[in-house]
């Protein structure tokens, strides 16, 4: 059985997306992980998807995320992270960006275990 992909835009890497991309207007942004089997259906379908790994990329995404939030009509932010400590950097960057943007935007965090279970 072939599953349909739910990705709405490309690219998804935070470093590559233009901060003023038109698809951010009215978006509910998800920062993502891949271990969860129902990930596409639960988190990607109908959402703009960004991917980043602060540990591997060696960057603080808060500046880029702040610019994206400031320049667009973002409706909500969902951070989907793994339970491992290094994923805390992505959550921290998103929360910092929300604060630095000067906007009040609802946000939530979902945590996925290393064996693919949702911990929330």
PDB file of N, CA and C in Angstrom:
ATOM      1  N   UNK A   1       0.841  -1.183   0.000  1.00  0.00           N
ATOM      2  CA  UNK A   1       0.000   0.000   0.000  1.00  0.00           C
ATOM      3  C   UNK A   1       0.886   1.245   0.000  1.00  0.00           C
ATOM      4  N   UNK A   2       0.674   2.116  -0.948  1.00  0.00           N
ATOM      5  CA  UNK A   2       1.443   3.344  -1.036  1.00  0.00           C
ATOM      6  C   UNK A   2       0.722   4.445  -0.283  1.00  0.00           C
ATOM      7  N   UNK A   3       1.451   5.146   0.581  1.00  0.00           N
ATOM      8  CA  UNK A   3       0.862   6.262   1.312  1.00  0.00           C
ATOM      9  C   UNK A   3       1.105   7.553   0.545  1.00  0.00           C
ATOM     10  N   UNK A   4       0.176   8.473   0.636  1.00  0.00           N
ATOM     11  CA  UNK A   4       0.325   9.772   0.003  1.00  0.00           C
ATOM     12  C   UNK A   4       1.222  10.653   0.854  1.00  0.00           C
ATOM     13  N   UNK A   5       2.077  11.402   0.221  1.00  0.00           N
ATOM     14  CA  UNK A   5       2.890  12.346   0.979  1.00  0.00           C
ATOM     15  C   UNK A   5       2.040  13.570   1.263  1.00  0.00           C
ATOM     16  N   UNK A   6       2.279  14.193   2.386  1.00  0.00           N
ATOM     17  CA  UNK A   6       1.470  15.330   2.817  1.00  0.00           C
ATOM     18  C   UNK A   6       2.244  16.647   2.812  1.00  0.00           C
ATOM     19  N   UNK A   7       3.467  16.626   2.362  1.00  0.00           N
ATOM     20  CA  UNK A   7       4.314  17.808   2.366  1.00  0.00           C
ATOM     21  C   UNK A   7       3.738  18.868   1.429  1.00  0.00           C
ATOM     22  N   UNK A   8       3.599  20.110   1.921  1.00  0.00           N
ATOM     23  CA  UNK A   8       2.978  21.186   1.146  1.00  0.00           C
ATOM     24  C   UNK A   8       3.968  22.069   0.402  1.00  0.00           C
ATOM     25  N   UNK A   9       5.235  22.069   0.785  1.00  0.00           N
ATOM     26  CA  UNK A   9       6.198  22.974   0.166  1.00  0.00           C
ATOM     27  C   UNK A   9       7.595  22.383   0.203  1.00  0.00           C
ATOM     28  N   UNK A  10       8.469  22.980  -0.581  1.00  0.00           N
ATOM     29  CA  UNK A  10       9.886  22.623  -0.607  1.00  0.00           C
ATOM     30  C   UNK A  10      10.651  23.910  -0.820  1.00  0.00           C
ATOM     31  N   UNK A  11      11.745  24.140  -0.108  1.00  0.00           N
ATOM     32  CA  UNK A  11      12.457  23.240   0.795  1.00  0.00           C
ATOM     33  C   UNK A  11      11.850  23.218   2.192  1.00  0.00           C
ATOM     34  N   UNK A  12      12.341  22.303   3.018  1.00  0.00           N
ATOM     35  CA  UNK A  12      11.909  22.216   4.408  1.00  0.00           C
ATOM     36  C   UNK A  12      13.032  22.585   5.380  1.00  0.00           C
ATOM     37  N   UNK A  13      14.274  22.569   4.932  1.00  0.00           N
ATOM     38  CA  UNK A  13      15.397  22.927   5.806  1.00  0.00           C
ATOM     39  C   UNK A  13      15.323  24.409   6.152  1.00  0.00           C
ATOM     40  N   UNK A  14      15.400  24.735   7.441  1.00  0.00           N
ATOM     41  CA  UNK A  14      15.299  26.117   7.900  1.00  0.00           C
ATOM     42  C   UNK A  14      16.329  27.003   7.202  1.00  0.00           C
ATOM     43  N   UNK A  15      17.536  26.498   7.021  1.00  0.00           N
ATOM     44  CA  UNK A  15      18.587  27.291   6.373  1.00  0.00           C
ATOM     45  C   UNK A  15      18.224  27.689   4.945  1.00  0.00           C
ATOM     46  N   UNK A  16      17.419  26.911   4.267  1.00  0.00           N
ATOM     47  CA  UNK A  16      17.140  27.119   2.852  1.00  0.00           C
ATOM     48  C   UNK A  16      15.873  27.908   2.546  1.00  0.00           C
ATOM     49  N   UNK A  17      14.928  27.967   3.469  1.00  0.00           N
ATOM     50  CA  UNK A  17      13.663  28.640   3.161  1.00  0.00           C
ATOM     51  C   UNK A  17      13.839  30.156   3.208  1.00  0.00           C
ATOM     52  N   UNK A  18      13.248  30.873   2.236  1.00  0.00           N
ATOM     53  CA  UNK A  18      13.286  32.331   2.300  1.00  0.00           C
ATOM     54  C   UNK A  18      12.352  32.818   3.410  1.00  0.00           C
ATOM     55  N   UNK A  19      12.809  33.771   4.210  1.00  0.00           N
ATOM     56  CA  UNK A  19      12.019  34.252   5.352  1.00  0.00           C
ATOM     57  C   UNK A  19      10.691  34.858   4.920  1.00  0.00           C
ATOM     58  N   UNK A  20      10.595  35.352   3.695  1.00  0.00           N
ATOM     59  CA  UNK A  20       9.360  35.981   3.221  1.00  0.00           C
ATOM     60  C   UNK A  20       8.621  35.133   2.184  1.00  0.00           C
ATOM     61  N   UNK A  21       8.785  33.825   2.248  1.00  0.00           N
ATOM     62  CA  UNK A  21       8.109  32.931   1.298  1.00  0.00           C
ATOM     63  C   UNK A  21       6.593  33.080   1.427  1.00  0.00           C
ATOM     64  N   UNK A  22       5.866  33.150   0.314  1.00  0.00           N
ATOM     65  CA  UNK A  22       4.426  33.365   0.371  1.00  0.00           C
ATOM     66  C   UNK A  22       3.663  32.253   1.081  1.00  0.00           C
ATOM     67  N   UNK A  23       4.201  31.056   1.130  1.00  0.00           N
ATOM     68  CA  UNK A  23       3.477  29.964   1.788  1.00  0.00           C
ATOM     69  C   UNK A  23       3.443  30.103   3.306  1.00  0.00           C
ATOM     70  N   UNK A  24       4.190  31.048   3.885  1.00  0.00           N
ATOM     71  CA  UNK A  24       4.120  31.269   5.329  1.00  0.00           C
ATOM     72  C   UNK A  24       2.886  32.075   5.725  1.00  0.00           C
ATOM     73  N   UNK A  25       2.292  32.809   4.807  1.00  0.00           N
ATOM     74  CA  UNK A  25       1.133  33.627   5.122  1.00  0.00           C
ATOM     75  C   UNK A  25      -0.021  32.734   5.568  1.00  0.00           C
ATOM     76  N   UNK A  26      -0.462  32.930   6.793  1.00  0.00           N
ATOM     77  CA  UNK A  26      -1.545  32.128   7.352  1.00  0.00           C
ATOM     78  C   UNK A  26      -1.135  30.737   7.767  1.00  0.00           C
ATOM     79  N   UNK A  27       0.159  30.493   7.825  1.00  0.00           N
ATOM     80  CA  UNK A  27       0.652  29.138   8.101  1.00  0.00           C
ATOM     81  C   UNK A  27       0.597  28.783   9.578  1.00  0.00           C
ATOM     82  N   UNK A  28       0.498  27.505   9.835  1.00  0.00           N
ATOM     83  CA  UNK A  28       0.714  26.930  11.157  1.00  0.00           C
ATOM     84  C   UNK A  28       1.968  26.078  10.985  1.00  0.00           C
ATOM     85  N   UNK A  29       3.082  26.544  11.504  1.00  0.00           N
ATOM     86  CA  UNK A  29       4.382  25.950  11.202  1.00  0.00           C
ATOM     87  C   UNK A  29       4.696  24.783  12.126  1.00  0.00           C
ATOM     88  N   UNK A  30       5.225  23.716  11.561  1.00  0.00           N
ATOM     89  CA  UNK A  30       5.645  22.539  12.314  1.00  0.00           C
ATOM     90  C   UNK A  30       7.140  22.324  12.124  1.00  0.00           C
ATOM     91  N   UNK A  31       7.888  22.214  13.220  1.00  0.00           N
ATOM     92  CA  UNK A  31       9.290  21.812  13.163  1.00  0.00           C
ATOM     93  C   UNK A  31       9.303  20.334  13.516  1.00  0.00           C
ATOM     94  N   UNK A  32      10.002  19.494  12.760  1.00  0.00           N
ATOM     95  CA  UNK A  32       9.630  18.099  12.704  1.00  0.00           C
ATOM     96  C   UNK A  32      10.666  17.068  13.075  1.00  0.00           C
ATOM     97  N   UNK A  33      10.183  15.868  13.312  1.00  0.00           N
ATOM     98  CA  UNK A  33      10.986  14.652  13.517  1.00  0.00           C
ATOM     99  C   UNK A  33      10.365  13.549  12.655  1.00  0.00           C
ATOM    100  N   UNK A  34      11.048  12.453  12.476  1.00  0.00           N
ATOM    101  CA  UNK A  34      10.577  11.443  11.521  1.00  0.00           C
ATOM    102  C   UNK A  34      10.308  10.062  12.104  1.00  0.00           C
ATOM    103  N   UNK A  35      10.490   9.860  13.367  1.00  0.00           N
ATOM    104  CA  UNK A  35      10.368   8.522  13.934  1.00  0.00           C
ATOM    105  C   UNK A  35       8.919   8.056  14.095  1.00  0.00           C
ATOM    106  N   UNK A  36       7.986   8.955  14.114  1.00  0.00           N
ATOM    107  CA  UNK A  36       6.587   8.654  14.386  1.00  0.00           C
ATOM    108  C   UNK A  36       5.891   8.176  13.108  1.00  0.00           C
ATOM    109  N   UNK A  37       5.326   6.983  13.138  1.00  0.00           N
ATOM    110  CA  UNK A  37       4.759   6.357  11.936  1.00  0.00           C
ATOM    111  C   UNK A  37       3.636   7.187  11.305  1.00  0.00           C
ATOM    112  N   UNK A  38       2.817   7.819  12.102  1.00  0.00           N
ATOM    113  CA  UNK A  38       1.687   8.600  11.581  1.00  0.00           C
ATOM    114  C   UNK A  38       2.042  10.075  11.411  1.00  0.00           C
ATOM    115  N   UNK A  39       3.320  10.361  11.303  1.00  0.00           N
ATOM    116  CA  UNK A  39       3.794  11.740  11.272  1.00  0.00           C
ATOM    117  C   UNK A  39       3.172  12.563  10.143  1.00  0.00           C
ATOM    118  N   UNK A  40       3.172  12.032   8.928  1.00  0.00           N
ATOM    119  CA  UNK A  40       2.620  12.786   7.796  1.00  0.00           C
ATOM    120  C   UNK A  40       1.157  13.133   8.028  1.00  0.00           C
ATOM    121  N   UNK A  41       0.387  12.157   8.444  1.00  0.00           N
ATOM    122  CA  UNK A  41      -1.050  12.376   8.625  1.00  0.00           C
ATOM    123  C   UNK A  41      -1.336  13.327   9.784  1.00  0.00           C
ATOM    124  N   UNK A  42      -0.612  13.171  10.890  1.00  0.00           N
ATOM    125  CA  UNK A  42      -0.909  13.959  12.087  1.00  0.00           C
ATOM    126  C   UNK A  42      -0.290  15.352  12.055  1.00  0.00           C
ATOM    127  N   UNK A  43       0.924  15.487  11.520  1.00  0.00           N
ATOM    128  CA  UNK A  43       1.632  16.752  11.651  1.00  0.00           C
ATOM    129  C   UNK A  43       1.939  17.474  10.338  1.00  0.00           C
ATOM    130  N   UNK A  44       2.034  16.779   9.217  1.00  0.00           N
ATOM    131  CA  UNK A  44       2.414  17.444   7.972  1.00  0.00           C
ATOM    132  C   UNK A  44       1.203  17.827   7.130  1.00  0.00           C
ATOM    133  N   UNK A  45       0.200  16.980   7.078  1.00  0.00           N
ATOM    134  CA  UNK A  45      -0.985  17.244   6.257  1.00  0.00           C
ATOM    135  C   UNK A  45      -1.569  18.620   6.598  1.00  0.00           C
ATOM    136  N   UNK A  46      -1.582  19.498   5.609  1.00  0.00           N
ATOM    137  CA  UNK A  46      -2.181  20.819   5.786  1.00  0.00           C
ATOM    138  C   UNK A  46      -1.316  21.831   6.516  1.00  0.00           C
ATOM    139  N   UNK A  47      -0.055  21.506   6.775  1.00  0.00           N
ATOM    140  CA  UNK A  47       0.843  22.414   7.491  1.00  0.00           C
ATOM    141  C   UNK A  47       2.107  22.682   6.682  1.00  0.00           C
ATOM    142  N   UNK A  48       2.728  23.810   6.933  1.00  0.00           N
ATOM    143  CA  UNK A  48       4.048  24.104   6.379  1.00  0.00           C
ATOM    144  C   UNK A  48       5.059  23.389   7.260  1.00  0.00           C
ATOM    145  N   UNK A  49       6.036  22.733   6.661  1.00  0.00           N
ATOM    146  CA  UNK A  49       6.990  21.905   7.402  1.00  0.00           C
ATOM    147  C   UNK A  49       8.396  22.470   7.287  1.00  0.00           C
ATOM    148  N   UNK A  50       9.065  22.629   8.418  1.00  0.00           N
ATOM    149  CA  UNK A  50      10.468  23.034   8.456  1.00  0.00           C
ATOM    150  C   UNK A  50      11.250  21.979   9.207  1.00  0.00           C
ATOM    151  N   UNK A  51      12.473  21.742   8.793  1.00  0.00           N
ATOM    152  CA  UNK A  51      13.310  20.719   9.403  1.00  0.00           C
ATOM    153  C   UNK A  51      14.637  21.342   9.798  1.00  0.00           C
ATOM    154  N   UNK A  52      15.091  21.030  10.982  1.00  0.00           N
ATOM    155  CA  UNK A  52      16.401  21.501  11.405  1.00  0.00           C
ATOM    156  C   UNK A  52      16.929  20.655  12.534  1.00  0.00           C
ATOM    157  N   UNK A  53      18.237  20.611  12.656  1.00  0.00           N
ATOM    158  CA  UNK A  53      18.893  19.911  13.754  1.00  0.00           C
ATOM    159  C   UNK A  53      20.008  20.807  14.283  1.00  0.00           C
ATOM    160  N   UNK A  54      19.764  21.513  15.385  1.00  0.00           N
ATOM    161  CA  UNK A  54      20.783  22.410  15.922  1.00  0.00           C
ATOM    162  C   UNK A  54      22.102  21.699  16.217  1.00  0.00           C
ATOM    163  N   UNK A  55      22.034  20.463  16.628  1.00  0.00           N
ATOM    164  CA  UNK A  55      23.261  19.733  16.951  1.00  0.00           C
ATOM    165  C   UNK A  55      24.088  19.468  15.690  1.00  0.00           C
ATOM    166  N   UNK A  56      23.457  18.955  14.646  1.00  0.00           N
ATOM    167  CA  UNK A  56      24.188  18.619  13.425  1.00  0.00           C
ATOM    168  C   UNK A  56      24.535  19.847  12.593  1.00  0.00           C
ATOM    169  N   UNK A  57      23.647  20.827  12.563  1.00  0.00           N
ATOM    170  CA  UNK A  57      23.888  22.019  11.759  1.00  0.00           C
ATOM    171  C   UNK A  57      24.795  23.025  12.467  1.00  0.00           C
ATOM    172  N   UNK A  58      24.886  22.923  13.797  1.00  0.00           N
ATOM    173  CA  UNK A  58      25.734  23.830  14.561  1.00  0.00           C
ATOM    174  C   UNK A  58      25.302  25.284  14.482  1.00  0.00           C
ATOM    175  N   UNK A  59      23.992  25.508  14.416  1.00  0.00           N
ATOM    176  CA  UNK A  59      23.474  26.878  14.340  1.00  0.00           C
ATOM    177  C   UNK A  59      22.347  27.076  15.339  1.00  0.00           C
ATOM    178  N   UNK A  60      22.100  28.344  15.652  1.00  0.00           N
ATOM    179  CA  UNK A  60      20.939  28.720  16.445  1.00  0.00           C
ATOM    180  C   UNK A  60      19.893  29.228  15.456  1.00  0.00           C
ATOM    181  N   UNK A  61      18.803  28.520  15.337  1.00  0.00           N
ATOM    182  CA  UNK A  61      17.766  28.871  14.371  1.00  0.00           C
ATOM    183  C   UNK A  61      16.878  30.028  14.820  1.00  0.00           C
ATOM    184  N   UNK A  62      17.039  30.515  16.032  1.00  0.00           N
ATOM    185  CA  UNK A  62      16.093  31.503  16.543  1.00  0.00           C
ATOM    186  C   UNK A  62      16.041  32.762  15.681  1.00  0.00           C
ATOM    187  N   UNK A  63      17.175  33.206  15.139  1.00  0.00           N
ATOM    188  CA  UNK A  63      17.170  34.400  14.288  1.00  0.00           C
ATOM    189  C   UNK A  63      16.350  34.208  13.027  1.00  0.00           C
ATOM    190  N   UNK A  64      16.570  33.117  12.336  1.00  0.00           N
ATOM    191  CA  UNK A  64      15.830  32.834  11.093  1.00  0.00           C
ATOM    192  C   UNK A  64      14.347  32.643  11.391  1.00  0.00           C
ATOM    193  N   UNK A  65      14.043  31.913  12.461  1.00  0.00           N
ATOM    194  CA  UNK A  65      12.642  31.701  12.815  1.00  0.00           C
ATOM    195  C   UNK A  65      11.971  33.012  13.220  1.00  0.00           C
ATOM    196  N   UNK A  66      12.702  33.888  13.918  1.00  0.00           N
ATOM    197  CA  UNK A  66      12.162  35.204  14.277  1.00  0.00           C
ATOM    198  C   UNK A  66      11.784  35.975  13.018  1.00  0.00           C
ATOM    199  N   UNK A  67      12.661  35.980  12.018  1.00  0.00           N
ATOM    200  CA  UNK A  67      12.383  36.675  10.756  1.00  0.00           C
ATOM    201  C   UNK A  67      11.158  36.092  10.056  1.00  0.00           C
ATOM    202  N   UNK A  68      11.048  34.787  10.032  1.00  0.00           N
ATOM    203  CA  UNK A  68       9.886  34.144   9.405  1.00  0.00           C
ATOM    204  C   UNK A  68       8.607  34.578  10.108  1.00  0.00           C
ATOM    205  N   UNK A  69       8.620  34.567  11.432  1.00  0.00           N
ATOM    206  CA  UNK A  69       7.425  34.943  12.199  1.00  0.00           C
ATOM    207  C   UNK A  69       7.098  36.423  12.004  1.00  0.00           C
ATOM    208  N   UNK A  70       8.107  37.284  12.031  1.00  0.00           N
ATOM    209  CA  UNK A  70       7.883  38.729  11.862  1.00  0.00           C
ATOM    210  C   UNK A  70       7.312  39.080  10.488  1.00  0.00           C
ATOM    211  N   UNK A  71       7.762  38.411   9.448  1.00  0.00           N
ATOM    212  CA  UNK A  71       7.397  38.778   8.083  1.00  0.00           C
ATOM    213  C   UNK A  71       6.157  38.068   7.551  1.00  0.00           C
ATOM    214  N   UNK A  72       5.526  37.253   8.369  1.00  0.00           N
ATOM    215  CA  UNK A  72       4.397  36.465   7.881  1.00  0.00           C
ATOM    216  C   UNK A  72       3.281  36.410   8.904  1.00  0.00           C
ATOM    217  N   UNK A  73       2.100  36.074   8.414  1.00  0.00           N
ATOM    218  CA  UNK A  73       0.918  35.936   9.264  1.00  0.00           C
ATOM    219  C   UNK A  73       0.826  34.485   9.735  1.00  0.00           C
ATOM    220  N   UNK A  74       1.688  34.122  10.673  1.00  0.00           N
ATOM    221  CA  UNK A  74       1.717  32.757  11.210  1.00  0.00           C
ATOM    222  C   UNK A  74       0.585  32.616  12.223  1.00  0.00           C
ATOM    223  N   UNK A  75      -0.221  31.573  12.089  1.00  0.00           N
ATOM    224  CA  UNK A  75      -1.370  31.365  12.978  1.00  0.00           C
ATOM    225  C   UNK A  75      -1.014  30.567  14.225  1.00  0.00           C
ATOM    226  N   UNK A  76      -0.092  29.613  14.105  1.00  0.00           N
ATOM    227  CA  UNK A  76       0.321  28.804  15.251  1.00  0.00           C
ATOM    228  C   UNK A  76       1.631  28.107  14.911  1.00  0.00           C
ATOM    229  N   UNK A  77       2.318  27.645  15.949  1.00  0.00           N
ATOM    230  CA  UNK A  77       3.573  26.913  15.775  1.00  0.00           C
ATOM    231  C   UNK A  77       3.478  25.613  16.561  1.00  0.00           C
ATOM    232  N   UNK A  78       3.802  24.514  15.909  1.00  0.00           N
ATOM    233  CA  UNK A  78       3.867  23.217  16.566  1.00  0.00           C
ATOM    234  C   UNK A  78       5.288  22.701  16.431  1.00  0.00           C
ATOM    235  N   UNK A  79       5.914  22.420  17.544  1.00  0.00           N
ATOM    236  CA  UNK A  79       7.265  21.872  17.554  1.00  0.00           C
ATOM    237  C   UNK A  79       7.138  20.387  17.840  1.00  0.00           C
ATOM    238  N   UNK A  80       7.613  19.568  16.918  1.00  0.00           N
ATOM    239  CA  UNK A  80       7.626  18.125  17.128  1.00  0.00           C
ATOM    240  C   UNK A  80       9.078  17.730  17.269  1.00  0.00           C
ATOM    241  N   UNK A  81       9.426  17.220  18.429  1.00  0.00           N
ATOM    242  CA  UNK A  81      10.821  16.918  18.730  1.00  0.00           C
ATOM    243  C   UNK A  81      10.966  15.508  19.266  1.00  0.00           C
ATOM    244  N   UNK A  82      12.169  15.013  19.188  1.00  0.00           N
ATOM    245  CA  UNK A  82      12.484  13.719  19.784  1.00  0.00           C
ATOM    246  C   UNK A  82      12.744  13.927  21.273  1.00  0.00           C
ATOM    247  N   UNK A  83      12.674  12.857  22.040  1.00  0.00           N
ATOM    248  CA  UNK A  83      12.874  12.939  23.481  1.00  0.00           C
ATOM    249  C   UNK A  83      14.331  13.181  23.874  1.00  0.00           C
ATOM    250  N   UNK A  84      15.255  13.065  22.944  1.00  0.00           N
ATOM    251  CA  UNK A  84      16.678  13.202  23.254  1.00  0.00           C
ATOM    252  C   UNK A  84      17.022  14.656  23.569  1.00  0.00           C
ATOM    253  N   UNK A  85      17.989  14.878  24.467  1.00  0.00           N
ATOM    254  CA  UNK A  85      18.312  16.238  24.915  1.00  0.00           C
ATOM    255  C   UNK A  85      18.693  17.206  23.794  1.00  0.00           C
ATOM    256  N   UNK A  86      19.378  16.730  22.774  1.00  0.00           N
ATOM    257  CA  UNK A  86      19.828  17.657  21.722  1.00  0.00           C
ATOM    258  C   UNK A  86      18.665  18.301  20.977  1.00  0.00           C
ATOM    259  N   UNK A  87      17.502  17.677  20.967  1.00  0.00           N
ATOM    260  CA  UNK A  87      16.339  18.268  20.301  1.00  0.00           C
ATOM    261  C   UNK A  87      15.770  19.451  21.083  1.00  0.00           C
ATOM    262  N   UNK A  88      16.196  19.598  22.319  1.00  0.00           N
ATOM    263  CA  UNK A  88      15.765  20.746  23.107  1.00  0.00           C
ATOM    264  C   UNK A  88      16.205  22.059  22.480  1.00  0.00           C
ATOM    265  N   UNK A  89      17.289  22.036  21.709  1.00  0.00           N
ATOM    266  CA  UNK A  89      17.766  23.249  21.050  1.00  0.00           C
ATOM    267  C   UNK A  89      16.776  23.794  20.045  1.00  0.00           C
ATOM    268  N   UNK A  90      16.074  22.913  19.350  1.00  0.00           N
ATOM    269  CA  UNK A  90      15.074  23.351  18.379  1.00  0.00           C
ATOM    270  C   UNK A  90      13.867  23.959  19.095  1.00  0.00           C
ATOM    271  N   UNK A  91      13.450  23.314  20.165  1.00  0.00           N
ATOM    272  CA  UNK A  91      12.348  23.863  20.960  1.00  0.00           C
ATOM    273  C   UNK A  91      12.733  25.234  21.510  1.00  0.00           C
ATOM    274  N   UNK A  92      13.938  25.348  22.054  1.00  0.00           N
ATOM    275  CA  UNK A  92      14.413  26.619  22.604  1.00  0.00           C
ATOM    276  C   UNK A  92      14.459  27.697  21.517  1.00  0.00           C
ATOM    277  N   UNK A  93      14.950  27.353  20.340  1.00  0.00           N
ATOM    278  CA  UNK A  93      15.022  28.319  19.238  1.00  0.00           C
ATOM    279  C   UNK A  93      13.634  28.810  18.843  1.00  0.00           C
ATOM    280  N   UNK A  94      12.670  27.912  18.782  1.00  0.00           N
ATOM    281  CA  UNK A  94      11.308  28.293  18.404  1.00  0.00           C
ATOM    282  C   UNK A  94      10.679  29.197  19.457  1.00  0.00           C
ATOM    283  N   UNK A  95      10.851  28.857  20.725  1.00  0.00           N
ATOM    284  CA  UNK A  95      10.289  29.672  21.807  1.00  0.00           C
ATOM    285  C   UNK A  95      10.959  31.048  21.833  1.00  0.00           C
ATOM    286  N   UNK A  96      12.272  31.086  21.650  1.00  0.00           N
ATOM    287  CA  UNK A  96      12.998  32.356  21.596  1.00  0.00           C
ATOM    288  C   UNK A  96      12.503  33.204  20.427  1.00  0.00           C
ATOM    289  N   UNK A  97      12.309  32.588  19.275  1.00  0.00           N
ATOM    290  CA  UNK A  97      11.821  33.308  18.096  1.00  0.00           C
ATOM    291  C   UNK A  97      10.427  33.876  18.332  1.00  0.00           C
ATOM    292  N   UNK A  98       9.577  33.099  18.964  1.00  0.00           N
ATOM    293  CA  UNK A  98       8.233  33.590  19.268  1.00  0.00           C
ATOM    294  C   UNK A  98       8.309  34.820  20.164  1.00  0.00           C
ATOM    295  N   UNK A  99       9.144  34.776  21.191  1.00  0.00           N
ATOM    296  CA  UNK A  99       9.305  35.920  22.098  1.00  0.00           C
ATOM    297  C   UNK A  99       9.893  37.118  21.364  1.00  0.00           C
ATOM    298  N   UNK A 100      10.938  36.889  20.567  1.00  0.00           N
ATOM    299  CA  UNK A 100      11.631  37.980  19.878  1.00  0.00           C
ATOM    300  C   UNK A 100      10.825  38.593  18.738  1.00  0.00           C
ATOM    301  N   UNK A 101       9.826  37.874  18.254  1.00  0.00           N
ATOM    302  CA  UNK A 101       9.030  38.379  17.129  1.00  0.00           C
ATOM    303  C   UNK A 101       8.118  39.529  17.535  1.00  0.00           C
ATOM    304  N   UNK A 102       7.808  39.615  18.822  1.00  0.00           N
ATOM    305  CA  UNK A 102       6.889  40.635  19.288  1.00  0.00           C
ATOM    306  C   UNK A 102       5.431  40.291  19.038  1.00  0.00           C
ATOM    307  N   UNK A 103       5.172  39.083  18.564  1.00  0.00           N
ATOM    308  CA  UNK A 103       3.804  38.646  18.293  1.00  0.00           C
ATOM    309  C   UNK A 103       3.381  37.600  19.315  1.00  0.00           C
ATOM    310  N   UNK A 104       2.081  37.545  19.576  1.00  0.00           N
ATOM    311  CA  UNK A 104       1.546  36.464  20.397  1.00  0.00           C
ATOM    312  C   UNK A 104       0.974  35.421  19.449  1.00  0.00           C
ATOM    313  N   UNK A 105       1.611  34.269  19.409  1.00  0.00           N
ATOM    314  CA  UNK A 105       1.179  33.176  18.530  1.00  0.00           C
ATOM    315  C   UNK A 105       1.058  31.916  19.376  1.00  0.00           C
ATOM    316  N   UNK A 106      -0.078  31.239  19.331  1.00  0.00           N
ATOM    317  CA  UNK A 106      -0.202  29.990  20.085  1.00  0.00           C
ATOM    318  C   UNK A 106       0.829  28.964  19.605  1.00  0.00           C
ATOM    319  N   UNK A 107       1.382  28.215  20.562  1.00  0.00           N
ATOM    320  CA  UNK A 107       2.372  27.202  20.199  1.00  0.00           C
ATOM    321  C   UNK A 107       2.216  25.997  21.111  1.00  0.00           C
ATOM    322  N   UNK A 108       2.698  24.869  20.620  1.00  0.00           N
ATOM    323  CA  UNK A 108       2.654  23.630  21.398  1.00  0.00           C
ATOM    324  C   UNK A 108       3.846  22.767  21.020  1.00  0.00           C
ATOM    325  N   UNK A 109       4.167  21.847  21.918  1.00  0.00           N
ATOM    326  CA  UNK A 109       5.290  20.934  21.703  1.00  0.00           C
ATOM    327  C   UNK A 109       4.780  19.506  21.826  1.00  0.00           C
ATOM    328  N   UNK A 110       5.152  18.661  20.863  1.00  0.00           N
ATOM    329  CA  UNK A 110       4.900  17.227  20.935  1.00  0.00           C
ATOM    330  C   UNK A 110       6.253  16.537  20.984  1.00  0.00           C
ATOM    331  N   UNK A 111       6.354  15.525  21.832  1.00  0.00           N
ATOM    332  CA  UNK A 111       7.607  14.787  21.969  1.00  0.00           C
ATOM    333  C   UNK A 111       7.400  13.352  21.505  1.00  0.00           C
ATOM    334  N   UNK A 112       8.329  12.892  20.661  1.00  0.00           N
ATOM    335  CA  UNK A 112       8.301  11.534  20.120  1.00  0.00           C
ATOM    336  C   UNK A 112       9.457  10.755  20.738  1.00  0.00           C
ATOM    337  N   UNK A 113       9.180   9.530  21.194  1.00  0.00           N
ATOM    338  CA  UNK A 113      10.224   8.696  21.795  1.00  0.00           C
ATOM    339  C   UNK A 113      11.133   8.131  20.711  1.00  0.00           C
ATOM    340  N   UNK A 114      12.288   7.646  21.111  1.00  0.00           N
ATOM    341  CA  UNK A 114      13.225   7.076  20.143  1.00  0.00           C
ATOM    342  C   UNK A 114      12.702   5.781  19.528  1.00  0.00           C
ATOM    343  N   UNK A 115      11.684   5.174  20.149  1.00  0.00           N
ATOM    344  CA  UNK A 115      11.080   3.982  19.541  1.00  0.00           C
ATOM    345  C   UNK A 115       9.780   4.312  18.792  1.00  0.00           C
ATOM    346  N   UNK A 116       9.539   5.599  18.537  1.00  0.00           N
ATOM    347  CA  UNK A 116       8.441   6.001  17.671  1.00  0.00           C
ATOM    348  C   UNK A 116       7.098   6.230  18.317  1.00  0.00           C
ATOM    349  N   UNK A 117       7.034   6.317  19.632  1.00  0.00           N
ATOM    350  CA  UNK A 117       5.759   6.570  20.314  1.00  0.00           C
ATOM    351  C   UNK A 117       5.605   8.058  20.604  1.00  0.00           C
ATOM    352  N   UNK A 118       4.369   8.540  20.541  1.00  0.00           N
ATOM    353  CA  UNK A 118       4.083   9.903  20.962  1.00  0.00           C
ATOM    354  C   UNK A 118       4.038   9.909  22.483  1.00  0.00           C
ATOM    355  N   UNK A 119       4.780  10.799  23.105  1.00  0.00           N
ATOM    356  CA  UNK A 119       4.817  10.872  24.564  1.00  0.00           C
ATOM    357  C   UNK A 119       3.825  11.892  25.109  1.00  0.00           C
ATOM    358  N   UNK A 120       3.030  12.490  24.247  1.00  0.00           N
ATOM    359  CA  UNK A 120       2.067  13.507  24.688  1.00  0.00           C
ATOM    360  C   UNK A 120       0.645  13.027  24.520  1.00  0.00           C
TER     361      UNK A 120
END
